Amino acid sequence: MMEVSIATPCTGVCTLNKEKICIGCFRTNTEIAQWRASNDDVRREIIVRANERKAANQ
C-alpha cells in the first residue's frame, strides 16, 4: 500500500469553470480525479501547478 502524507488542497467549493479548473483549489478535473491514486511527488507537482493557476487568476 502506498503511503502518502500530503492532504488534498480541496477547499470544499468544488465548482469547475469553463476551462475545467476548480474555482476553489485551482486543480484541473483530471488532477482532481488522479489525486487519490497519486504519490506525494505527484501531489506536490499538482499543488505547484494549482498555485501557479491561482496566482495567474488574482
C-alpha atoms as a PDB file:
ATOM      1  CA  MET A   1       0.000   0.000   0.000  1.00  0.00           C
ATOM      2  CA  MET A   2       1.277   3.446  -0.945  1.00  0.00           C
ATOM      3  CA  GLU A   3       1.689   5.814   1.980  1.00  0.00           C
ATOM      4  CA  VAL A   4       1.005   9.489   1.352  1.00  0.00           C
ATOM      5  CA  SER A   5       1.210  12.449   3.663  1.00  0.00           C
ATOM      6  CA  ILE A   6       0.107  15.417   1.543  1.00  0.00           C
ATOM      7  CA  ALA A   7      -3.508  16.321   2.168  1.00  0.00           C
ATOM      8  CA  THR A   8      -5.883  17.422  -0.541  1.00  0.00           C
ATOM      9  CA  PRO A   9      -5.915  21.151  -1.310  1.00  0.00           C
ATOM     10  CA  CYS A  10      -9.704  20.965  -1.736  1.00  0.00           C
ATOM     11  CA  THR A  11     -11.495  23.966  -0.228  1.00  0.00           C
ATOM     12  CA  GLY A  12     -14.962  22.472  -0.493  1.00  0.00           C
ATOM     13  CA  VAL A  13     -16.077  24.820  -3.275  1.00  0.00           C
ATOM     14  CA  CYS A  14     -15.900  22.090  -5.959  1.00  0.00           C
ATOM     15  CA  THR A  15     -17.063  24.133  -8.937  1.00  0.00           C
ATOM     16  CA  LEU A  16     -15.356  23.875 -12.322  1.00  0.00           C
ATOM     17  CA  ASN A  17     -15.061  26.877 -14.622  1.00  0.00           C
ATOM     18  CA  LYS A  18     -15.306  26.673 -18.425  1.00  0.00           C
ATOM     19  CA  GLU A  19     -11.648  25.538 -18.611  1.00  0.00           C
ATOM     20  CA  LYS A  20     -12.489  22.638 -16.241  1.00  0.00           C
ATOM     21  CA  ILE A  21     -10.451  24.146 -13.408  1.00  0.00           C
ATOM     22  CA  CYS A  22     -11.884  24.189  -9.897  1.00  0.00           C
ATOM     23  CA  ILE A  23     -12.511  27.746  -8.714  1.00  0.00           C
ATOM     24  CA  GLY A  24     -11.756  26.665  -5.136  1.00  0.00           C
ATOM     25  CA  CYS A  25      -8.463  24.762  -5.355  1.00  0.00           C
ATOM     26  CA  PHE A  26      -7.388  25.568  -8.940  1.00  0.00           C
ATOM     27  CA  ARG A  27      -6.796  21.929  -9.852  1.00  0.00           C
ATOM     28  CA  THR A  28      -7.983  20.631 -13.214  1.00  0.00           C
ATOM     29  CA  ASN A  29     -10.694  17.999 -13.318  1.00  0.00           C
ATOM     30  CA  THR A  30      -8.001  15.477 -14.332  1.00  0.00           C
ATOM     31  CA  GLU A  31      -5.786  16.408 -11.378  1.00  0.00           C
ATOM     32  CA  ILE A  32      -8.746  16.085  -9.017  1.00  0.00           C
ATOM     33  CA  ALA A  33      -9.576  12.642 -10.403  1.00  0.00           C
ATOM     34  CA  GLN A  34      -5.998  11.355 -10.108  1.00  0.00           C
ATOM     35  CA  TRP A  35      -5.333  12.811  -6.631  1.00  0.00           C
ATOM     36  CA  ARG A  36      -6.254   9.718  -4.600  1.00  0.00           C
ATOM     37  CA  ALA A  37      -4.024   7.412  -6.639  1.00  0.00           C
ATOM     38  CA  SER A  38      -1.067   9.827  -6.673  1.00  0.00           C
ATOM     39  CA  ASN A  39       2.033   9.581  -4.516  1.00  0.00           C
ATOM     40  CA  ASP A  40       3.468  12.581  -2.673  1.00  0.00           C
ATOM     41  CA  ASP A  41       5.781  13.560  -5.551  1.00  0.00           C
ATOM     42  CA  VAL A  42       2.871  13.782  -7.991  1.00  0.00           C
ATOM     43  CA  ARG A  43       0.748  15.568  -5.396  1.00  0.00           C
ATOM     44  CA  ARG A  44       3.458  18.193  -4.945  1.00  0.00           C
ATOM     45  CA  GLU A  45       3.549  18.750  -8.715  1.00  0.00           C
ATOM     46  CA  ILE A  46      -0.230  19.140  -8.795  1.00  0.00           C
ATOM     47  CA  ILE A  47      -0.123  21.666  -5.960  1.00  0.00           C
ATOM     48  CA  VAL A  48       2.623  23.676  -7.695  1.00  0.00           C
ATOM     49  CA  ARG A  49       0.580  23.861 -10.908  1.00  0.00           C
ATOM     50  CA  ALA A  50      -2.587  24.754  -8.987  1.00  0.00           C
ATOM     51  CA  ASN A  51      -0.751  27.528  -7.118  1.00  0.00           C
ATOM     52  CA  GLU A  52       0.551  28.888 -10.433  1.00  0.00           C
ATOM     53  CA  ARG A  53      -3.011  28.947 -11.812  1.00  0.00           C
ATOM     54  CA  LYS A  54      -4.253  30.661  -8.668  1.00  0.00           C
ATOM     55  CA  ALA A  55      -1.541  33.345  -8.867  1.00  0.00           C
ATOM     56  CA  ALA A  56      -2.327  33.961 -12.536  1.00  0.00           C
ATOM     57  CA  ASN A  57      -6.016  34.496 -11.689  1.00  0.00           C
ATOM     58  CA  GLN A  58      -5.570  37.045  -8.922  1.00  0.00           C
END
